[in-house]
N, C-alpha and C. Protein backbone atom coordinates (compact mmCIF):
# COMPACT_ATOMS: atom_id res chain seq x y z
N UNK A 1 5.80 13.26 15.90
CA UNK A 1 4.72 12.64 16.59
C UNK A 1 5.07 11.04 16.95
N UNK A 2 4.47 10.77 18.21
CA UNK A 2 4.47 9.41 18.60
C UNK A 2 3.28 8.91 19.25
N UNK A 3 3.28 7.66 19.48
CA UNK A 3 2.00 7.00 20.08
C UNK A 3 1.52 7.80 21.43
N UNK A 4 2.57 8.27 22.25
CA UNK A 4 2.21 8.70 23.38
C UNK A 4 1.43 10.26 23.17
N UNK A 5 1.57 10.98 21.87
CA UNK A 5 1.02 12.15 21.66
C UNK A 5 -0.45 12.07 21.28
N UNK A 6 -0.94 10.70 20.96
CA UNK A 6 -2.30 10.69 20.55
C UNK A 6 -3.33 10.46 21.86
N UNK A 7 -4.41 10.96 21.54
CA UNK A 7 -5.43 10.88 22.54
C UNK A 7 -5.67 9.47 23.17
N UNK A 8 -5.29 9.09 24.48
CA UNK A 8 -5.39 7.71 25.00
C UNK A 8 -6.64 7.21 24.93
N UNK A 9 -7.66 8.09 24.78
CA UNK A 9 -8.97 7.36 24.51
C UNK A 9 -9.36 6.62 23.22
N UNK A 10 -8.41 7.02 22.37
CA UNK A 10 -8.59 6.22 20.90
C UNK A 10 -8.26 4.70 21.04
N UNK A 11 -9.28 3.83 20.46
CA UNK A 11 -9.10 2.56 20.77
C UNK A 11 -8.59 1.70 19.45
N UNK A 12 -8.94 2.34 18.38
CA UNK A 12 -8.70 1.76 16.89
C UNK A 12 -7.98 2.47 16.01
N UNK A 13 -7.02 2.13 15.30
CA UNK A 13 -6.19 2.68 14.40
C UNK A 13 -6.13 1.90 12.85
N UNK A 14 -6.74 2.92 11.84
CA UNK A 14 -6.66 2.59 10.51
C UNK A 14 -5.77 3.16 9.60
N UNK A 15 -4.94 2.34 9.01
CA UNK A 15 -3.78 2.75 8.14
C UNK A 15 -4.24 2.36 6.88
N UNK A 16 -3.84 3.26 5.99
CA UNK A 16 -3.60 2.74 4.33
C UNK A 16 -2.09 2.11 4.50
N UNK A 17 -1.82 1.39 3.26
CA UNK A 17 -0.70 0.78 3.32
C UNK A 17 0.31 1.26 2.46
N UNK A 18 0.12 1.41 1.23
CA UNK A 18 1.40 2.22 0.29
C UNK A 18 1.70 3.66 0.90
N UNK A 19 2.93 3.62 1.10
CA UNK A 19 3.69 4.90 1.46
C UNK A 19 3.12 5.65 2.69
N UNK A 20 2.42 4.65 3.50
CA UNK A 20 2.23 4.95 4.84
C UNK A 20 2.70 3.81 5.90
N UNK A 21 2.59 2.76 5.50
CA UNK A 21 3.37 1.72 6.45
C UNK A 21 4.90 1.23 5.66
N UNK A 22 4.88 1.30 4.41
CA UNK A 22 6.24 1.02 3.90
C UNK A 22 6.12 1.98 2.40
N UNK A 23 7.42 2.02 1.87
CA UNK A 23 7.42 2.78 0.63
C UNK A 23 6.99 1.91 -0.41
N UNK A 24 6.07 2.43 -1.21
CA UNK A 24 5.56 1.50 -2.36
C UNK A 24 6.36 1.17 -3.73
N UNK A 25 7.44 1.97 -3.61
CA UNK A 25 8.32 1.77 -4.60
C UNK A 25 9.35 0.43 -4.33
N UNK A 26 9.21 0.15 -3.06
CA UNK A 26 9.93 -1.07 -2.66
C UNK A 26 9.53 -2.40 -3.24
N UNK A 27 8.21 -2.41 -3.56
CA UNK A 27 7.46 -3.23 -4.06
C UNK A 27 7.58 -3.16 -5.88
N UNK A 28 7.21 -2.14 -6.31
CA UNK A 28 7.08 -1.68 -7.55
C UNK A 28 8.60 -1.90 -8.41
N UNK A 29 9.72 -1.54 -7.71
CA UNK A 29 10.84 -1.71 -8.16
C UNK A 29 11.38 -3.09 -8.54
N UNK A 30 10.97 -3.89 -7.48
CA UNK A 30 11.08 -5.29 -7.50
C UNK A 30 10.36 -6.08 -8.74
N UNK A 31 9.12 -5.68 -8.89
CA UNK A 31 8.34 -6.06 -9.99
C UNK A 31 8.91 -5.53 -11.40
N UNK A 32 9.34 -4.45 -11.44
CA UNK A 32 10.10 -4.18 -12.70
C UNK A 32 11.31 -4.87 -13.05
N UNK A 33 12.05 -5.19 -12.15
CA UNK A 33 13.29 -6.16 -12.05
C UNK A 33 12.78 -7.47 -12.89
N UNK A 34 11.68 -7.86 -12.12
CA UNK A 34 11.25 -9.29 -12.67
C UNK A 34 10.70 -9.12 -13.98
N UNK A 35 9.97 -8.04 -14.22
CA UNK A 35 9.52 -7.78 -15.71
C UNK A 35 10.64 -7.88 -16.72
N UNK A 36 11.56 -7.01 -16.32
CA UNK A 36 12.78 -6.71 -17.28
C UNK A 36 13.49 -7.98 -17.69
N UNK A 37 13.62 -8.92 -16.48
CA UNK A 37 14.03 -10.52 -16.69
C UNK A 37 13.23 -11.14 -17.65
N UNK A 38 11.88 -10.93 -17.58
CA UNK A 38 11.03 -11.71 -18.59
C UNK A 38 11.36 -11.03 -20.04
N UNK A 39 11.53 -9.78 -20.16
CA UNK A 39 11.77 -9.19 -21.57
C UNK A 39 13.15 -9.81 -21.99
N UNK A 40 14.17 -9.61 -21.00
CA UNK A 40 15.42 -10.39 -21.64
C UNK A 40 15.28 -11.68 -21.89
N UNK A 41 14.68 -12.64 -21.41
CA UNK A 41 14.41 -14.08 -21.80
C UNK A 41 13.69 -14.37 -23.04
N UNK A 42 12.68 -13.38 -23.21
CA UNK A 42 11.77 -13.66 -24.37
C UNK A 42 12.41 -12.93 -25.50
N UNK A 43 12.88 -11.83 -25.48
CA UNK A 43 13.43 -10.80 -26.46
C UNK A 43 14.60 -10.30 -26.67
N UNK A 44 15.59 -10.77 -25.71
CA UNK A 44 16.96 -10.58 -25.59
C UNK A 44 17.07 -9.06 -25.33
N UNK A 45 16.02 -8.49 -24.82
CA UNK A 45 16.17 -7.07 -24.29
C UNK A 45 17.04 -6.82 -23.11
N UNK A 46 17.87 -5.91 -22.97
CA UNK A 46 18.85 -5.86 -22.01
C UNK A 46 18.15 -5.60 -20.61
N UNK A 47 18.11 -6.40 -19.62
CA UNK A 47 17.42 -6.23 -18.56
C UNK A 47 17.63 -5.25 -17.58
N UNK A 48 18.83 -4.74 -17.38
CA UNK A 48 19.30 -3.58 -16.47
C UNK A 48 18.64 -2.37 -17.28
N UNK A 49 18.87 -2.15 -18.67
CA UNK A 49 18.33 -0.97 -19.42
C UNK A 49 16.99 -0.87 -19.03
N UNK A 50 16.02 -1.96 -19.42
CA UNK A 50 14.67 -1.92 -19.01
C UNK A 50 14.25 -1.60 -17.62
N UNK A 51 15.11 -2.19 -16.85
CA UNK A 51 14.86 -1.81 -15.40
C UNK A 51 14.94 -0.22 -15.19
N UNK A 52 16.22 0.11 -15.68
CA UNK A 52 16.50 1.70 -15.47
C UNK A 52 15.25 2.57 -15.92
N UNK A 53 14.90 1.99 -17.06
CA UNK A 53 13.85 2.84 -17.76
C UNK A 53 12.58 2.78 -16.94
N UNK A 54 12.25 1.64 -16.30
CA UNK A 54 10.82 1.86 -15.80
C UNK A 54 11.10 2.73 -14.46
N UNK A 55 12.22 2.38 -13.70
CA UNK A 55 12.55 3.34 -12.54
C UNK A 55 12.55 4.73 -12.76
N UNK A 56 13.25 5.07 -13.72
CA UNK A 56 13.50 6.48 -14.26
C UNK A 56 11.90 6.92 -14.54
N UNK A 57 11.16 6.44 -15.40
CA UNK A 57 9.82 6.55 -15.59
C UNK A 57 8.87 7.04 -14.37
N UNK A 58 9.14 5.84 -13.56
CA UNK A 58 8.51 5.97 -12.17
C UNK A 58 8.67 7.28 -11.54
N UNK A 59 10.12 7.78 -11.52
CA UNK A 59 10.42 8.68 -10.65
C UNK A 59 10.22 10.10 -11.25
N UNK A 60 9.87 9.82 -12.50
CA UNK A 60 9.43 11.53 -13.30
C UNK A 60 8.38 11.37 -13.91
N UNK A 61 7.48 10.33 -14.20
CA UNK A 61 6.10 10.62 -14.42
C UNK A 61 4.99 9.92 -13.65
N UNK A 62 5.56 8.87 -12.79
CA UNK A 62 4.52 8.10 -12.08
C UNK A 62 4.26 6.73 -12.48
N UNK A 63 3.84 5.95 -11.71
CA UNK A 63 3.68 4.55 -11.84
C UNK A 63 2.91 4.19 -13.11
N UNK A 64 1.75 5.06 -13.33
CA UNK A 64 0.93 4.90 -14.40
C UNK A 64 1.52 4.83 -15.70
N UNK A 65 2.71 5.67 -15.92
CA UNK A 65 3.39 5.82 -17.24
C UNK A 65 4.44 4.82 -17.47
N UNK A 66 4.71 3.98 -16.55
CA UNK A 66 5.59 2.97 -16.77
C UNK A 66 5.54 1.91 -17.91
N UNK A 67 4.53 1.31 -17.86
CA UNK A 67 4.40 0.35 -18.84
C UNK A 67 4.38 0.80 -20.43
N UNK A 68 3.69 2.09 -20.43
CA UNK A 68 3.79 2.70 -21.88
C UNK A 68 4.93 3.05 -22.27
N UNK A 69 6.13 3.51 -21.35
CA UNK A 69 7.29 3.96 -21.74
C UNK A 69 8.17 2.78 -22.24
N UNK A 70 7.88 1.35 -21.69
CA UNK A 70 8.69 0.37 -22.02
C UNK A 70 8.15 -0.32 -23.29
N UNK A 71 6.75 -0.24 -23.63
CA UNK A 71 6.06 -0.58 -24.71
C UNK A 71 6.57 0.24 -25.87
N UNK A 72 6.52 1.80 -25.81
CA UNK A 72 7.11 2.38 -26.71
C UNK A 72 8.70 2.18 -27.22
N UNK A 73 9.44 2.15 -26.17
CA UNK A 73 10.85 2.09 -26.29
C UNK A 73 11.14 0.61 -27.07
N UNK A 74 10.66 -0.59 -26.53
CA UNK A 74 11.03 -1.68 -27.20
C UNK A 74 9.69 -2.39 -28.10
N UNK A 75 8.78 -1.49 -28.59
CA UNK A 75 7.80 -1.80 -29.71
C UNK A 75 7.06 -3.00 -29.03
N UNK A 76 6.75 -3.41 -27.89
CA UNK A 76 6.05 -4.34 -27.10
C UNK A 76 4.68 -4.57 -27.81
N UNK A 77 4.40 -6.04 -27.94
CA UNK A 77 3.11 -6.14 -28.24
C UNK A 77 2.07 -6.04 -27.14
N UNK A 78 0.59 -5.73 -27.48
CA UNK A 78 -0.28 -5.46 -26.48
C UNK A 78 -0.44 -6.64 -25.56
N UNK A 79 -0.03 -8.02 -25.76
CA UNK A 79 0.02 -9.16 -24.79
C UNK A 79 0.55 -8.87 -23.50
N UNK A 80 1.93 -7.92 -23.73
CA UNK A 80 2.76 -7.73 -22.82
C UNK A 80 2.12 -7.05 -21.46
N UNK A 81 1.23 -6.27 -21.62
CA UNK A 81 0.54 -5.69 -20.97
C UNK A 81 -0.17 -6.49 -19.78
N UNK A 82 -0.57 -7.68 -20.35
CA UNK A 82 -1.28 -8.76 -19.50
C UNK A 82 -0.27 -9.23 -18.49
N UNK A 83 0.85 -9.65 -19.06
CA UNK A 83 1.96 -10.26 -18.15
C UNK A 83 2.39 -9.30 -17.09
N UNK A 84 2.69 -8.11 -17.53
CA UNK A 84 3.04 -6.87 -16.60
C UNK A 84 2.00 -6.84 -15.70
N UNK A 85 0.71 -6.74 -15.68
CA UNK A 85 -0.44 -6.50 -14.87
C UNK A 85 -0.42 -7.78 -13.97
N UNK A 86 -0.20 -9.19 -14.33
CA UNK A 86 -0.35 -10.32 -13.79
C UNK A 86 1.05 -10.38 -12.88
N UNK A 87 2.16 -9.92 -13.39
CA UNK A 87 3.39 -9.66 -12.25
C UNK A 87 2.87 -8.66 -11.12
N UNK A 88 2.49 -7.55 -11.49
CA UNK A 88 2.16 -6.44 -10.63
C UNK A 88 1.32 -7.15 -9.25
N UNK A 89 0.36 -8.12 -9.62
CA UNK A 89 -0.82 -8.63 -8.75
C UNK A 89 0.03 -9.81 -8.03
N UNK A 90 0.74 -10.48 -8.55
CA UNK A 90 1.07 -11.83 -7.98
C UNK A 90 2.49 -12.11 -7.78
N UNK A 91 3.47 -11.07 -8.02
CA UNK A 91 4.81 -11.46 -8.15
C UNK A 91 5.43 -11.93 -6.83
N UNK A 92 6.12 -13.00 -6.73
CA UNK A 92 6.77 -13.35 -5.48
C UNK A 92 8.26 -12.56 -5.50
N UNK A 93 8.09 -11.46 -4.94
CA UNK A 93 9.15 -10.52 -5.12
C UNK A 93 10.39 -11.02 -4.19
N UNK A 94 11.70 -10.95 -4.54
CA UNK A 94 12.87 -11.49 -3.95
C UNK A 94 13.04 -10.91 -2.36
N UNK A 95 12.77 -9.66 -2.36
CA UNK A 95 13.09 -9.21 -0.70
C UNK A 95 11.69 -8.72 -0.27
N UNK A 96 11.84 -9.17 1.06
CA UNK A 96 10.66 -8.81 2.11
C UNK A 96 10.60 -7.19 2.05
N UNK A 97 9.16 -6.60 1.92
CA UNK A 97 9.06 -5.23 2.24
C UNK A 97 9.05 -4.99 3.60
N UNK A 98 10.00 -3.79 3.98
CA UNK A 98 10.03 -3.32 5.38
C UNK A 98 9.51 -2.16 5.47
N UNK A 99 8.66 -2.42 6.69
CA UNK A 99 7.85 -1.14 7.30
C UNK A 99 8.79 0.07 7.68
N UNK A 100 8.16 1.25 7.52
CA UNK A 100 9.10 2.38 7.96
C UNK A 100 9.27 2.16 9.58
N UNK A 101 10.48 2.21 10.00
CA UNK A 101 10.90 2.19 11.39
C UNK A 101 9.87 2.76 12.47
N UNK A 102 9.50 4.20 12.05
CA UNK A 102 8.63 4.90 12.81
C UNK A 102 7.05 4.16 12.98
N UNK A 103 6.78 3.58 11.86
CA UNK A 103 5.42 3.13 11.85
C UNK A 103 5.49 1.74 12.66
N UNK A 104 6.56 1.03 12.37
CA UNK A 104 6.58 -0.16 13.04
C UNK A 104 6.67 0.05 14.50
N UNK A 105 7.30 1.03 15.00
CA UNK A 105 7.30 1.24 16.38
C UNK A 105 5.94 1.66 16.80
N UNK A 106 5.30 2.40 16.00
CA UNK A 106 3.81 3.06 16.25
C UNK A 106 2.76 1.84 16.39
N UNK A 107 2.94 1.05 15.50
CA UNK A 107 1.97 -0.28 15.65
C UNK A 107 2.30 -1.12 16.90
N UNK A 108 3.48 -1.16 17.07
CA UNK A 108 3.92 -2.15 18.21
C UNK A 108 3.34 -1.36 19.56
N UNK A 109 3.54 -0.38 19.57
CA UNK A 109 2.89 0.39 20.79
C UNK A 109 1.55 0.26 20.90
N UNK A 110 0.79 0.40 19.86
CA UNK A 110 -0.77 0.16 19.74
C UNK A 110 -1.05 -1.26 20.23
N UNK A 111 -0.34 -2.27 19.79
CA UNK A 111 -0.75 -3.55 19.94
C UNK A 111 -0.32 -3.87 21.67
N UNK A 112 0.74 -3.38 22.23
CA UNK A 112 1.07 -3.55 23.43
C UNK A 112 0.18 -2.80 24.41
N UNK A 113 -0.55 -1.93 23.77
CA UNK A 113 -1.59 -1.18 24.74
C UNK A 113 -2.83 -2.03 24.40
N UNK A 114 -2.92 -2.66 23.74
CA UNK A 114 -4.08 -3.66 23.48
C UNK A 114 -5.29 -3.02 22.84
N UNK A 115 -4.83 -2.29 21.77
CA UNK A 115 -5.93 -1.70 20.92
C UNK A 115 -5.49 -2.09 19.43
N UNK A 116 -6.45 -1.81 18.85
CA UNK A 116 -7.09 -2.43 17.58
C UNK A 116 -6.09 -1.85 16.16
N UNK A 117 -5.91 -2.71 15.50
CA UNK A 117 -4.94 -2.37 14.13
C UNK A 117 -5.82 -2.74 12.91
N UNK A 118 -5.95 -1.80 11.91
CA UNK A 118 -6.89 -1.98 10.92
C UNK A 118 -6.04 -1.44 9.64
N UNK A 119 -5.99 -2.29 8.54
CA UNK A 119 -5.40 -1.69 7.17
C UNK A 119 -6.74 -1.66 6.45
N UNK A 120 -6.83 -0.35 5.78
CA UNK A 120 -7.91 -0.13 4.93
C UNK A 120 -7.31 0.64 3.67
N UNK A 121 -7.25 -0.24 2.44
CA UNK A 121 -6.41 0.20 1.27
C UNK A 121 -7.17 0.27 0.04
N UNK A 122 -7.04 1.30 -0.66
CA UNK A 122 -7.18 1.49 -1.97
C UNK A 122 -6.49 0.47 -2.98
N UNK A 123 -7.03 0.27 -4.13
CA UNK A 123 -6.20 -0.40 -5.14
C UNK A 123 -6.53 -1.66 -5.58
N UNK A 124 -6.07 -2.47 -6.59
CA UNK A 124 -6.30 -3.70 -6.75
C UNK A 124 -6.34 -4.63 -5.62
N UNK A 125 -7.28 -5.37 -5.12
CA UNK A 125 -7.16 -5.99 -3.97
C UNK A 125 -6.03 -7.33 -4.06
N UNK A 126 -6.22 -7.58 -5.15
CA UNK A 126 -4.99 -8.92 -5.57
C UNK A 126 -3.79 -8.43 -5.31
N UNK A 127 -3.50 -7.14 -5.83
CA UNK A 127 -2.23 -6.60 -5.68
C UNK A 127 -1.87 -6.23 -4.30
N UNK A 128 -2.80 -5.58 -3.52
CA UNK A 128 -2.69 -5.08 -2.20
C UNK A 128 -2.41 -6.40 -1.08
N UNK A 129 -3.20 -7.56 -1.38
CA UNK A 129 -3.09 -8.39 -0.59
C UNK A 129 -1.59 -9.18 -0.98
N UNK A 130 -1.07 -9.15 -2.21
CA UNK A 130 0.28 -9.67 -2.25
C UNK A 130 1.25 -8.98 -1.66
N UNK A 131 1.24 -7.51 -1.59
CA UNK A 131 2.02 -6.76 -0.94
C UNK A 131 2.14 -6.87 0.46
N UNK A 132 1.02 -7.09 1.06
CA UNK A 132 0.61 -7.49 2.67
C UNK A 132 1.34 -8.84 2.82
N UNK A 133 1.30 -9.80 1.87
CA UNK A 133 1.88 -11.16 2.20
C UNK A 133 3.38 -11.06 2.23
N UNK A 134 4.08 -10.16 1.39
CA UNK A 134 5.60 -10.02 1.11
C UNK A 134 5.81 -8.93 2.20
N UNK A 135 5.32 -8.34 3.34
CA UNK A 135 5.96 -7.43 4.05
C UNK A 135 6.30 -8.14 5.34
N UNK A 136 7.26 -7.76 5.80
CA UNK A 136 8.00 -8.08 7.13
C UNK A 136 7.29 -7.58 8.36
N UNK A 137 6.33 -8.08 8.88
CA UNK A 137 5.41 -7.62 9.94
C UNK A 137 6.00 -7.72 11.46
N UNK A 138 6.82 -8.56 11.58
CA UNK A 138 7.52 -8.64 13.01
C UNK A 138 6.52 -9.23 14.05
N UNK A 139 5.81 -9.98 13.40
CA UNK A 139 4.81 -10.77 14.27
C UNK A 139 3.47 -10.01 14.43
N UNK A 140 3.52 -8.63 13.83
CA UNK A 140 2.31 -7.80 13.92
C UNK A 140 0.98 -8.37 13.16
N UNK A 141 1.28 -9.51 12.14
CA UNK A 141 0.43 -9.82 11.34
C UNK A 141 -1.08 -10.40 11.86
N UNK A 142 -0.70 -10.81 12.95
CA UNK A 142 -1.94 -11.64 13.76
C UNK A 142 -2.68 -10.69 14.48
N UNK A 143 -2.28 -9.62 14.54
CA UNK A 143 -3.11 -8.37 15.13
C UNK A 143 -3.92 -7.51 14.12
N UNK A 144 -3.59 -7.67 12.66
CA UNK A 144 -4.21 -6.99 11.62
C UNK A 144 -5.49 -7.39 11.11
N UNK A 145 -6.37 -6.54 10.85
CA UNK A 145 -7.65 -6.81 10.26
C UNK A 145 -7.57 -5.99 8.93
N UNK A 146 -7.71 -6.72 7.62
CA UNK A 146 -7.37 -5.75 6.49
C UNK A 146 -8.81 -5.75 5.73
N UNK A 147 -8.96 -4.53 5.16
CA UNK A 147 -10.20 -4.07 4.24
C UNK A 147 -9.78 -3.69 2.96
N UNK A 148 -10.03 -4.21 1.92
CA UNK A 148 -9.70 -3.68 0.73
C UNK A 148 -10.80 -2.87 0.20
N UNK A 149 -10.81 -1.62 -0.13
CA UNK A 149 -11.82 -0.58 -0.26
C UNK A 149 -12.36 -0.82 -1.59
N UNK A 150 -11.70 -1.29 -2.80
CA UNK A 150 -12.30 -1.55 -3.84
C UNK A 150 -13.03 -2.72 -4.11
N UNK A 151 -13.19 -3.41 -3.15
CA UNK A 151 -14.23 -4.40 -3.13
C UNK A 151 -15.73 -3.69 -2.75
N UNK A 152 -15.54 -2.69 -2.26
CA UNK A 152 -16.95 -2.05 -2.04
C UNK A 152 -16.93 -0.77 -2.94
N UNK A 153 -16.22 0.26 -2.42
CA UNK A 153 -16.03 1.61 -3.18
C UNK A 153 -14.89 2.20 -2.51
N UNK A 154 -14.07 2.60 -3.50
CA UNK A 154 -12.69 3.30 -3.03
C UNK A 154 -12.77 4.44 -2.27
N UNK A 155 -11.78 4.47 -1.40
CA UNK A 155 -11.69 5.87 -0.80
C UNK A 155 -11.58 7.00 -1.74
N UNK A 156 -12.29 8.32 -1.64
CA UNK A 156 -12.70 8.74 -0.50
C UNK A 156 -14.12 8.21 0.01
N UNK A 157 -14.91 7.58 -0.74
CA UNK A 157 -16.14 7.17 -0.38
C UNK A 157 -16.00 6.30 1.21
N UNK A 158 -17.10 6.68 1.99
CA UNK A 158 -16.80 6.06 3.24
C UNK A 158 -17.33 4.75 3.48
N UNK A 159 -17.84 4.22 2.51
CA UNK A 159 -18.68 2.69 2.77
C UNK A 159 -17.91 1.73 3.30
N UNK A 160 -16.42 1.72 3.12
CA UNK A 160 -15.73 0.58 3.69
C UNK A 160 -15.51 0.66 5.11
N UNK A 161 -15.51 2.01 5.57
CA UNK A 161 -15.17 2.37 6.90
C UNK A 161 -16.56 2.27 7.73
N UNK A 162 -17.58 2.40 6.94
CA UNK A 162 -18.76 2.25 7.79
C UNK A 162 -18.97 0.66 7.90
N UNK A 163 -18.53 -0.13 7.08
CA UNK A 163 -18.76 -1.48 7.00
C UNK A 163 -17.93 -1.94 8.24
N UNK A 164 -16.69 -1.58 8.33
CA UNK A 164 -15.75 -2.00 9.36
C UNK A 164 -16.18 -1.61 10.65
N UNK A 165 -16.83 -0.28 10.79
CA UNK A 165 -17.45 0.00 12.05
C UNK A 165 -18.51 -1.03 12.52
N UNK A 166 -19.39 -1.37 11.62
CA UNK A 166 -20.38 -2.11 11.81
C UNK A 166 -20.17 -3.62 12.24
N UNK A 167 -18.98 -4.05 11.52
CA UNK A 167 -18.67 -5.29 11.95
C UNK A 167 -17.87 -5.41 13.17
N UNK A 168 -17.20 -4.47 13.62
CA UNK A 168 -16.49 -4.49 14.74
C UNK A 168 -16.92 -3.71 15.96
N UNK A 169 -18.09 -3.38 15.58
CA UNK A 169 -19.07 -2.67 16.75
C UNK A 169 -17.85 -1.49 17.45
N UNK A 170 -17.50 -0.74 16.38
CA UNK A 170 -16.80 0.49 16.77
C UNK A 170 -17.62 1.82 16.88
N UNK A 171 -17.10 2.51 17.60
CA UNK A 171 -17.61 4.02 17.81
C UNK A 171 -16.67 5.07 16.93
N UNK A 172 -17.29 5.89 16.15
CA UNK A 172 -16.47 6.95 15.51
C UNK A 172 -15.41 7.64 16.16
N UNK A 173 -15.93 7.80 17.25
CA UNK A 173 -15.08 8.84 18.22
C UNK A 173 -13.69 8.25 18.80
N UNK A 174 -13.64 7.04 18.65
CA UNK A 174 -12.70 5.88 19.14
C UNK A 174 -11.42 5.72 18.07
N UNK A 175 -11.76 6.29 16.93
CA UNK A 175 -10.91 5.93 15.65
C UNK A 175 -9.92 7.07 15.45
N UNK A 176 -8.69 6.76 14.99
CA UNK A 176 -7.84 7.49 14.35
C UNK A 176 -7.45 6.88 13.08
N UNK A 177 -7.68 7.65 11.77
CA UNK A 177 -7.09 7.05 10.37
C UNK A 177 -5.77 7.85 10.12
N UNK A 178 -4.95 6.90 9.52
CA UNK A 178 -3.64 7.62 9.27
C UNK A 178 -3.34 7.09 8.06
N UNK A 179 -3.15 8.31 7.10
CA UNK A 179 -3.07 8.28 5.65
C UNK A 179 -2.04 9.19 5.15
N UNK A 180 -2.09 9.59 3.73
CA UNK A 180 -1.02 10.12 3.16
C UNK A 180 -1.60 10.82 1.85
N UNK A 181 -2.81 10.69 1.62
CA UNK A 181 -3.39 11.27 0.33
C UNK A 181 -4.58 12.01 0.77
N UNK A 182 -5.20 13.00 -0.31
CA UNK A 182 -6.23 13.63 -0.06
C UNK A 182 -7.47 12.77 -0.15
N UNK A 183 -7.35 11.51 -0.71
CA UNK A 183 -8.64 10.57 -0.52
C UNK A 183 -8.63 10.05 0.75
N UNK A 184 -7.59 9.94 1.58
CA UNK A 184 -7.60 9.50 2.92
C UNK A 184 -8.11 10.46 3.67
N UNK A 185 -7.79 11.55 3.71
CA UNK A 185 -8.47 12.96 4.33
C UNK A 185 -9.85 12.97 4.28
N UNK A 186 -10.24 12.94 2.87
CA UNK A 186 -11.70 13.22 2.59
C UNK A 186 -12.42 11.96 2.99
N UNK A 187 -12.06 10.57 2.93
CA UNK A 187 -12.75 9.72 3.72
C UNK A 187 -13.00 9.66 5.17
N UNK A 188 -11.79 10.25 5.69
CA UNK A 188 -12.03 10.26 7.30
C UNK A 188 -13.19 11.41 7.50
N UNK A 189 -13.02 12.61 6.93
CA UNK A 189 -13.90 13.45 7.08
C UNK A 189 -15.28 13.04 7.20
N UNK A 190 -15.60 12.31 5.83
CA UNK A 190 -16.84 11.77 5.45
C UNK A 190 -17.32 10.69 6.48
N UNK A 191 -16.36 10.02 6.77
CA UNK A 191 -16.73 8.91 7.87
C UNK A 191 -16.98 9.37 9.30
N UNK A 192 -16.42 10.74 9.59
CA UNK A 192 -16.57 11.33 10.89
C UNK A 192 -15.50 10.64 11.97
N UNK A 193 -14.43 10.57 11.45
CA UNK A 193 -13.20 9.89 12.40
C UNK A 193 -12.04 11.10 12.01
N UNK A 194 -11.20 10.73 13.26
CA UNK A 194 -10.00 11.81 13.17
C UNK A 194 -9.07 11.15 12.22
N UNK A 195 -8.18 12.11 11.62
CA UNK A 195 -7.20 11.95 10.66
C UNK A 195 -5.89 12.55 11.21
N UNK A 196 -4.96 11.74 10.88
CA UNK A 196 -3.50 12.40 11.00
C UNK A 196 -2.55 11.77 9.69
N UNK A 197 -2.06 12.81 9.05
CA UNK A 197 -1.10 12.55 7.93
C UNK A 197 0.16 12.03 8.38
N UNK A 198 0.46 10.72 7.62
CA UNK A 198 1.52 9.96 8.20
C UNK A 198 2.94 10.79 8.19
N UNK A 199 2.93 11.85 7.50
CA UNK A 199 4.10 12.56 7.61
C UNK A 199 4.54 13.16 9.00
N UNK A 200 3.38 13.13 9.81
CA UNK A 200 3.71 13.53 11.21
C UNK A 200 4.27 12.43 12.15
N UNK A 201 4.60 11.28 11.63
CA UNK A 201 5.31 10.24 12.15
C UNK A 201 6.61 9.91 11.63
N UNK A 202 6.75 10.23 10.42
CA UNK A 202 7.89 9.87 9.72
C UNK A 202 9.15 10.98 9.94
């Protein structure tokens, strides 16, 4: 699917961030690397081994299981969780986060056609903002308007979309939401806006 396949009457496009515009693991794996370096510095834990453990846990069990796996393996004290969480929210990651090529092209086409770009993202607002700051936008950042759903109510609740509509004087019929989770789909349905799964573009 390409921009030209979308109804030309649509004027505004809403994107989730993680795994829609870029692969979330590109951020998480860099944070794991930084946390492993912290463990090596403080406790002489092998940084490569710790990084590999975190990556493997992410791949096999998901991101929610990562810290518990490291804590168990190395008998970490509870205060390490605070530093892990702090890094997740504020890390100055070494490498820029790169947009999926097809999504970059889609967003560029939208901007060239003088239509509006929004990011409406779930998750810790500080962490999501940090990801946005570390993304290579190729000049698109000045066209983006970002909303952090957790500041109101996380998707699938439609409150953040309703707020966006009111603040930008938008009509529901003019909007397309692009996401990748059931929460995105349910939010679009509850908001009365069209929905496309990102897989159709990738």
